[in-house]
Amino acid sequence: MLMAYLPKQETALFMYSGPRRTEREATLNVPKSFLGEDIETYIAFISDDRTMISRSIYTGKLTYGSVKPLLMDHSF
């Protein structure tokens, strides 16, 4: 799961089901209307059989449009 929270807008954007972990990347599309907004980002994982769910992990704050997309490389 990917989540982007926009505090000023009091809005959250979600991707509940993303690519498999082996793909090593995921993209959450944010509307262009949020350009310049601060975004708090989070990620969580769920097993294929849906029996195990991780706690969410805070992945940082960014200002939409001011940085290149975040690329994370975590080995589990």
PDB file of N, CA and C in Angstrom:
ATOM      1  N   MET A   1       0.844  -1.178   0.000  1.00  0.00           N
ATOM      2  CA  MET A   1       0.000   0.000   0.000  1.00  0.00           C
ATOM      3  C   MET A   1       0.882   1.231   0.000  1.00  0.00           C
ATOM      4  N   LEU A   2       0.539   2.182  -0.813  1.00  0.00           N
ATOM      5  CA  LEU A   2       1.198   3.486  -0.819  1.00  0.00           C
ATOM      6  C   LEU A   2       0.173   4.514  -0.375  1.00  0.00           C
ATOM      7  N   MET A   3       0.630   5.503   0.408  1.00  0.00           N
ATOM      8  CA  MET A   3      -0.264   6.573   0.813  1.00  0.00           C
ATOM      9  C   MET A   3       0.476   7.898   0.788  1.00  0.00           C
ATOM     10  N   ALA A   4      -0.195   8.907   0.278  1.00  0.00           N
ATOM     11  CA  ALA A   4       0.305  10.273   0.295  1.00  0.00           C
ATOM     12  C   ALA A   4      -0.738  11.109   1.019  1.00  0.00           C
ATOM     13  N   TYR A   5      -0.305  11.784   2.090  1.00  0.00           N
ATOM     14  CA  TYR A   5      -1.212  12.630   2.864  1.00  0.00           C
ATOM     15  C   TYR A   5      -0.834  14.078   2.641  1.00  0.00           C
ATOM     16  N   LEU A   6      -1.804  14.886   2.268  1.00  0.00           N
ATOM     17  CA  LEU A   6      -1.601  16.304   2.038  1.00  0.00           C
ATOM     18  C   LEU A   6      -2.251  17.063   3.188  1.00  0.00           C
ATOM     19  N   PRO A   7      -1.463  17.449   4.204  1.00  0.00           N
ATOM     20  CA  PRO A   7      -2.030  18.072   5.408  1.00  0.00           C
ATOM     21  C   PRO A   7      -2.836  19.340   5.128  1.00  0.00           C
ATOM     22  N   LYS A   8      -2.345  20.196   4.258  1.00  0.00           N
ATOM     23  CA  LYS A   8      -3.040  21.463   3.967  1.00  0.00           C
ATOM     24  C   LYS A   8      -4.419  21.204   3.363  1.00  0.00           C
ATOM     25  N   GLN A   9      -4.519  20.177   2.538  1.00  0.00           N
ATOM     26  CA  GLN A   9      -5.779  19.828   1.876  1.00  0.00           C
ATOM     27  C   GLN A   9      -6.639  18.892   2.735  1.00  0.00           C
ATOM     28  N   GLU A  10      -6.031  18.330   3.810  1.00  0.00           N
ATOM     29  CA  GLU A  10      -6.672  17.289   4.616  1.00  0.00           C
ATOM     30  C   GLU A  10      -7.194  16.163   3.732  1.00  0.00           C
ATOM     31  N   THR A  11      -6.315  15.739   2.812  1.00  0.00           N
ATOM     32  CA  THR A  11      -6.654  14.723   1.820  1.00  0.00           C
ATOM     33  C   THR A  11      -5.591  13.639   1.813  1.00  0.00           C
ATOM     34  N   ALA A  12      -6.016  12.410   1.619  1.00  0.00           N
ATOM     35  CA  ALA A  12      -5.079  11.301   1.474  1.00  0.00           C
ATOM     36  C   ALA A  12      -5.354  10.585   0.160  1.00  0.00           C
ATOM     37  N   LEU A  13      -4.279  10.199  -0.516  1.00  0.00           N
ATOM     38  CA  LEU A  13      -4.373   9.416  -1.745  1.00  0.00           C
ATOM     39  C   LEU A  13      -3.796   8.040  -1.440  1.00  0.00           C
ATOM     40  N   PHE A  14      -4.441   6.987  -1.916  1.00  0.00           N
ATOM     41  CA  PHE A  14      -4.024   5.629  -1.611  1.00  0.00           C
ATOM     42  C   PHE A  14      -3.839   4.781  -2.852  1.00  0.00           C
ATOM     43  N   MET A  15      -2.962   3.806  -2.759  1.00  0.00           N
ATOM     44  CA  MET A  15      -2.908   2.682  -3.682  1.00  0.00           C
ATOM     45  C   MET A  15      -2.927   1.458  -2.771  1.00  0.00           C
ATOM     46  N   TYR A  16      -4.083   0.794  -2.682  1.00  0.00           N
ATOM     47  CA  TYR A  16      -4.225  -0.333  -1.763  1.00  0.00           C
ATOM     48  C   TYR A  16      -3.494  -1.578  -2.246  1.00  0.00           C
ATOM     49  N   SER A  17      -3.454  -1.758  -3.533  1.00  0.00           N
ATOM     50  CA  SER A  17      -2.808  -2.945  -4.089  1.00  0.00           C
ATOM     51  C   SER A  17      -1.874  -2.496  -5.201  1.00  0.00           C
ATOM     52  N   GLY A  18      -0.605  -2.713  -4.990  1.00  0.00           N
ATOM     53  CA  GLY A  18       0.385  -2.283  -5.974  1.00  0.00           C
ATOM     54  C   GLY A  18       1.079  -3.467  -6.605  1.00  0.00           C
ATOM     55  N   PRO A  19       2.195  -3.206  -7.221  1.00  0.00           N
ATOM     56  CA  PRO A  19       2.951  -4.282  -7.870  1.00  0.00           C
ATOM     57  C   PRO A  19       3.568  -5.220  -6.829  1.00  0.00           C
ATOM     58  N   ARG A  20       3.996  -6.356  -7.281  1.00  0.00           N
ATOM     59  CA  ARG A  20       4.656  -7.310  -6.396  1.00  0.00           C
ATOM     60  C   ARG A  20       5.990  -6.734  -5.934  1.00  0.00           C
ATOM     61  N   ARG A  21       6.422  -7.154  -4.766  1.00  0.00           N
ATOM     62  CA  ARG A  21       7.667  -6.646  -4.192  1.00  0.00           C
ATOM     63  C   ARG A  21       8.857  -6.893  -5.112  1.00  0.00           C
ATOM     64  N   THR A  22       8.833  -7.984  -5.865  1.00  0.00           N
ATOM     65  CA  THR A  22       9.943  -8.310  -6.762  1.00  0.00           C
ATOM     66  C   THR A  22      10.127  -7.269  -7.865  1.00  0.00           C
ATOM     67  N   GLU A  23       9.097  -6.482  -8.156  1.00  0.00           N
ATOM     68  CA  GLU A  23       9.228  -5.427  -9.165  1.00  0.00           C
ATOM     69  C   GLU A  23      10.052  -4.253  -8.650  1.00  0.00           C
ATOM     70  N   ARG A  24      10.182  -4.130  -7.344  1.00  0.00           N
ATOM     71  CA  ARG A  24      11.052  -3.171  -6.668  1.00  0.00           C
ATOM     72  C   ARG A  24      10.712  -1.703  -6.879  1.00  0.00           C
ATOM     73  N   GLU A  25       9.531  -1.415  -7.434  1.00  0.00           N
ATOM     74  CA  GLU A  25       9.109  -0.023  -7.538  1.00  0.00           C
ATOM     75  C   GLU A  25       7.602   0.058  -7.695  1.00  0.00           C
ATOM     76  N   ALA A  26       7.074   1.191  -7.295  1.00  0.00           N
ATOM     77  CA  ALA A  26       5.641   1.465  -7.438  1.00  0.00           C
ATOM     78  C   ALA A  26       5.482   2.970  -7.609  1.00  0.00           C
ATOM     79  N   THR A  27       4.418   3.357  -8.267  1.00  0.00           N
ATOM     80  CA  THR A  27       4.154   4.769  -8.512  1.00  0.00           C
ATOM     81  C   THR A  27       2.748   5.103  -8.041  1.00  0.00           C
ATOM     82  N   LEU A  28       2.650   6.169  -7.272  1.00  0.00           N
ATOM     83  CA  LEU A  28       1.349   6.687  -6.856  1.00  0.00           C
ATOM     84  C   LEU A  28       1.134   7.990  -7.616  1.00  0.00           C
ATOM     85  N   ASN A  29       0.137   8.025  -8.449  1.00  0.00           N
ATOM     86  CA  ASN A  29      -0.139   9.218  -9.249  1.00  0.00           C
ATOM     87  C   ASN A  29      -0.825  10.278  -8.398  1.00  0.00           C
ATOM     88  N   VAL A  30      -0.269  11.476  -8.424  1.00  0.00           N
ATOM     89  CA  VAL A  30      -0.797  12.612  -7.671  1.00  0.00           C
ATOM     90  C   VAL A  30      -1.279  13.644  -8.688  1.00  0.00           C
ATOM     91  N   PRO A  31      -2.507  14.149  -8.517  1.00  0.00           N
ATOM     92  CA  PRO A  31      -3.027  15.128  -9.473  1.00  0.00           C
ATOM     93  C   PRO A  31      -2.153  16.380  -9.560  1.00  0.00           C
ATOM     94  N   LYS A  32      -2.048  16.938 -10.740  1.00  0.00           N
ATOM     95  CA  LYS A  32      -1.251  18.160 -10.945  1.00  0.00           C
ATOM     96  C   LYS A  32      -1.789  19.331 -10.132  1.00  0.00           C
ATOM     97  N   SER A  33      -3.029  19.263  -9.714  1.00  0.00           N
ATOM     98  CA  SER A  33      -3.609  20.352  -8.910  1.00  0.00           C
ATOM     99  C   SER A  33      -2.938  20.465  -7.537  1.00  0.00           C
ATOM    100  N   PHE A  34      -2.186  19.445  -7.130  1.00  0.00           N
ATOM    101  CA  PHE A  34      -1.477  19.469  -5.851  1.00  0.00           C
ATOM    102  C   PHE A  34      -0.047  19.977  -5.997  1.00  0.00           C
ATOM    103  N   LEU A  35       0.325  20.462  -7.166  1.00  0.00           N
ATOM    104  CA  LEU A  35       1.674  20.970  -7.415  1.00  0.00           C
ATOM    105  C   LEU A  35       2.037  22.043  -6.377  1.00  0.00           C
ATOM    106  N   GLY A  36       3.204  21.887  -5.784  1.00  0.00           N
ATOM    107  CA  GLY A  36       3.678  22.814  -4.768  1.00  0.00           C
ATOM    108  C   GLY A  36       3.247  22.483  -3.348  1.00  0.00           C
ATOM    109  N   GLU A  37       2.384  21.491  -3.185  1.00  0.00           N
ATOM    110  CA  GLU A  37       1.888  21.101  -1.859  1.00  0.00           C
ATOM    111  C   GLU A  37       2.881  20.186  -1.144  1.00  0.00           C
ATOM    112  N   ASP A  38       2.933  20.304   0.192  1.00  0.00           N
ATOM    113  CA  ASP A  38       3.705  19.366   1.002  1.00  0.00           C
ATOM    114  C   ASP A  38       2.944  18.050   1.092  1.00  0.00           C
ATOM    115  N   ILE A  39       3.674  16.948   0.953  1.00  0.00           N
ATOM    116  CA  ILE A  39       3.075  15.616   0.981  1.00  0.00           C
ATOM    117  C   ILE A  39       3.842  14.755   1.972  1.00  0.00           C
ATOM    118  N   GLU A  40       3.121  14.120   2.904  1.00  0.00           N
ATOM    119  CA  GLU A  40       3.694  13.145   3.829  1.00  0.00           C
ATOM    120  C   GLU A  40       3.456  11.771   3.215  1.00  0.00           C
ATOM    121  N   THR A  41       4.506  10.931   3.115  1.00  0.00           N
ATOM    122  CA  THR A  41       4.374   9.653   2.411  1.00  0.00           C
ATOM    123  C   THR A  41       4.576   8.469   3.346  1.00  0.00           C
ATOM    124  N   TYR A  42       3.849   7.392   3.057  1.00  0.00           N
ATOM    125  CA  TYR A  42       3.879   6.167   3.857  1.00  0.00           C
ATOM    126  C   TYR A  42       3.815   4.957   2.930  1.00  0.00           C
ATOM    127  N   ILE A  43       4.299   3.812   3.440  1.00  0.00           N
ATOM    128  CA  ILE A  43       4.231   2.555   2.695  1.00  0.00           C
ATOM    129  C   ILE A  43       3.934   1.426   3.679  1.00  0.00           C
ATOM    130  N   ALA A  44       3.264   0.385   3.218  1.00  0.00           N
ATOM    131  CA  ALA A  44       3.005  -0.815   4.015  1.00  0.00           C
ATOM    132  C   ALA A  44       2.982  -2.008   3.062  1.00  0.00           C
ATOM    133  N   PHE A  45       3.136  -3.192   3.620  1.00  0.00           N
ATOM    134  CA  PHE A  45       3.179  -4.414   2.811  1.00  0.00           C
ATOM    135  C   PHE A  45       2.154  -5.418   3.328  1.00  0.00           C
ATOM    136  N   ILE A  46       1.673  -6.261   2.415  1.00  0.00           N
ATOM    137  CA  ILE A  46       0.743  -7.319   2.772  1.00  0.00           C
ATOM    138  C   ILE A  46       1.168  -8.591   2.037  1.00  0.00           C
ATOM    139  N   SER A  47       1.015  -9.729   2.718  1.00  0.00           N
ATOM    140  CA  SER A  47       1.395 -11.002   2.093  1.00  0.00           C
ATOM    141  C   SER A  47       0.392 -11.375   1.009  1.00  0.00           C
ATOM    142  N   ASP A  48       0.832 -12.261   0.087  1.00  0.00           N
ATOM    143  CA  ASP A  48      -0.047 -12.693  -1.008  1.00  0.00           C
ATOM    144  C   ASP A  48      -1.358 -13.285  -0.512  1.00  0.00           C
ATOM    145  N   ASP A  49      -1.283 -14.045   0.589  1.00  0.00           N
ATOM    146  CA  ASP A  49      -2.507 -14.677   1.097  1.00  0.00           C
ATOM    147  C   ASP A  49      -3.292 -13.776   2.048  1.00  0.00           C
ATOM    148  N   ARG A  50      -2.823 -12.533   2.211  1.00  0.00           N
ATOM    149  CA  ARG A  50      -3.498 -11.504   3.005  1.00  0.00           C
ATOM    150  C   ARG A  50      -3.571 -11.828   4.504  1.00  0.00           C
ATOM    151  N   THR A  51      -2.721 -12.747   4.992  1.00  0.00           N
ATOM    152  CA  THR A  51      -2.750 -13.095   6.412  1.00  0.00           C
ATOM    153  C   THR A  51      -1.783 -12.276   7.248  1.00  0.00           C
ATOM    154  N   MET A  52      -0.805 -11.635   6.607  1.00  0.00           N
ATOM    155  CA  MET A  52       0.169 -10.828   7.333  1.00  0.00           C
ATOM    156  C   MET A  52       0.234  -9.430   6.719  1.00  0.00           C
ATOM    157  N   ILE A  53       0.159  -8.424   7.583  1.00  0.00           N
ATOM    158  CA  ILE A  53       0.223  -7.037   7.133  1.00  0.00           C
ATOM    159  C   ILE A  53       1.252  -6.311   7.998  1.00  0.00           C
ATOM    160  N   SER A  54       2.129  -5.575   7.355  1.00  0.00           N
ATOM    161  CA  SER A  54       3.138  -4.828   8.097  1.00  0.00           C
ATOM    162  C   SER A  54       2.521  -3.582   8.722  1.00  0.00           C
ATOM    163  N   ARG A  55       3.236  -3.013   9.657  1.00  0.00           N
ATOM    164  CA  ARG A  55       2.885  -1.677  10.124  1.00  0.00           C
ATOM    165  C   ARG A  55       3.256  -0.711   9.006  1.00  0.00           C
ATOM    166  N   SER A  56       2.605   0.423   8.971  1.00  0.00           N
ATOM    167  CA  SER A  56       2.982   1.403   7.958  1.00  0.00           C
ATOM    168  C   SER A  56       4.328   2.015   8.327  1.00  0.00           C
ATOM    169  N   ILE A  57       5.060   2.418   7.312  1.00  0.00           N
ATOM    170  CA  ILE A  57       6.381   3.012   7.481  1.00  0.00           C
ATOM    171  C   ILE A  57       6.325   4.417   6.887  1.00  0.00           C
ATOM    172  N   TYR A  58       6.708   5.404   7.688  1.00  0.00           N
ATOM    173  CA  TYR A  58       6.761   6.774   7.209  1.00  0.00           C
ATOM    174  C   TYR A  58       7.990   6.902   6.312  1.00  0.00           C
ATOM    175  N   THR A  59       7.785   7.330   5.072  1.00  0.00           N
ATOM    176  CA  THR A  59       8.893   7.404   4.113  1.00  0.00           C
ATOM    177  C   THR A  59       9.316   8.835   3.791  1.00  0.00           C
ATOM    178  N   GLY A  60       8.769   9.806   4.492  1.00  0.00           N
ATOM    179  CA  GLY A  60       9.263  11.161   4.368  1.00  0.00           C
ATOM    180  C   GLY A  60       8.257  12.173   3.858  1.00  0.00           C
ATOM    181  N   LYS A  61       8.725  13.420   3.934  1.00  0.00           N
ATOM    182  CA  LYS A  61       7.929  14.559   3.488  1.00  0.00           C
ATOM    183  C   LYS A  61       8.604  15.160   2.258  1.00  0.00           C
ATOM    184  N   LEU A  62       7.805  15.532   1.276  1.00  0.00           N
ATOM    185  CA  LEU A  62       8.337  16.195   0.098  1.00  0.00           C
ATOM    186  C   LEU A  62       7.349  17.241  -0.374  1.00  0.00           C
ATOM    187  N   THR A  63       7.838  18.148  -1.172  1.00  0.00           N
ATOM    188  CA  THR A  63       6.969  19.130  -1.802  1.00  0.00           C
ATOM    189  C   THR A  63       6.776  18.698  -3.246  1.00  0.00           C
ATOM    190  N   TYR A  64       5.547  18.428  -3.606  1.00  0.00           N
ATOM    191  CA  TYR A  64       5.232  17.897  -4.930  1.00  0.00           C
ATOM    192  C   TYR A  64       5.709  18.859  -6.012  1.00  0.00           C
ATOM    193  N   GLY A  65       6.521  18.350  -6.927  1.00  0.00           N
ATOM    194  CA  GLY A  65       7.022  19.134  -8.042  1.00  0.00           C
ATOM    195  C   GLY A  65       8.407  19.700  -7.807  1.00  0.00           C
ATOM    196  N   SER A  66       8.907  19.643  -6.567  1.00  0.00           N
ATOM    197  CA  SER A  66      10.210  20.241  -6.282  1.00  0.00           C
ATOM    198  C   SER A  66      11.361  19.242  -6.308  1.00  0.00           C
ATOM    199  N   VAL A  67      11.043  17.946  -6.343  1.00  0.00           N
ATOM    200  CA  VAL A  67      12.082  16.910  -6.360  1.00  0.00           C
ATOM    201  C   VAL A  67      11.722  15.850  -7.378  1.00  0.00           C
ATOM    202  N   LYS A  68      12.720  15.081  -7.771  1.00  0.00           N
ATOM    203  CA  LYS A  68      12.467  13.947  -8.652  1.00  0.00           C
ATOM    204  C   LYS A  68      11.780  12.857  -7.846  1.00  0.00           C
ATOM    205  N   PRO A  69      11.108  11.908  -8.489  1.00  0.00           N
ATOM    206  CA  PRO A  69      10.446  10.823  -7.758  1.00  0.00           C
ATOM    207  C   PRO A  69      11.416  10.089  -6.846  1.00  0.00           C
ATOM    208  N   LEU A  70      10.905   9.672  -5.696  1.00  0.00           N
ATOM    209  CA  LEU A  70      11.699   8.948  -4.723  1.00  0.00           C
ATOM    210  C   LEU A  70      11.871   7.508  -5.174  1.00  0.00           C
ATOM    211  N   LEU A  71      13.106   7.062  -5.251  1.00  0.00           N
ATOM    212  CA  LEU A  71      13.382   5.674  -5.583  1.00  0.00           C
ATOM    213  C   LEU A  71      13.979   5.021  -4.350  1.00  0.00           C
ATOM    214  N   MET A  72      13.311   3.991  -3.859  1.00  0.00           N
ATOM    215  CA  MET A  72      13.778   3.302  -2.666  1.00  0.00           C
ATOM    216  C   MET A  72      14.254   1.913  -3.045  1.00  0.00           C
ATOM    217  N   ASP A  73      15.385   1.502  -2.508  1.00  0.00           N
ATOM    218  CA  ASP A  73      15.902   0.173  -2.753  1.00  0.00           C
ATOM    219  C   ASP A  73      16.145  -0.477  -1.405  1.00  0.00           C
ATOM    220  N   HIS A  74      15.175  -1.288  -0.971  1.00  0.00           N
ATOM    221  CA  HIS A  74      15.282  -1.978   0.300  1.00  0.00           C
ATOM    222  C   HIS A  74      15.348  -3.466   0.035  1.00  0.00           C
ATOM    223  N   SER A  75      16.273  -4.129   0.675  1.00  0.00           N
ATOM    224  CA  SER A  75      16.345  -5.590   0.590  1.00  0.00           C
ATOM    225  C   SER A  75      15.707  -6.158   1.837  1.00  0.00           C
ATOM    226  N   PHE A  76      14.813  -7.110   1.649  1.00  0.00           N
ATOM    227  CA  PHE A  76      14.120  -7.725   2.772  1.00  0.00           C
ATOM    228  C   PHE A  76      14.461  -9.185   2.844  1.00  0.00           C
TER     229      PHE A  76
END
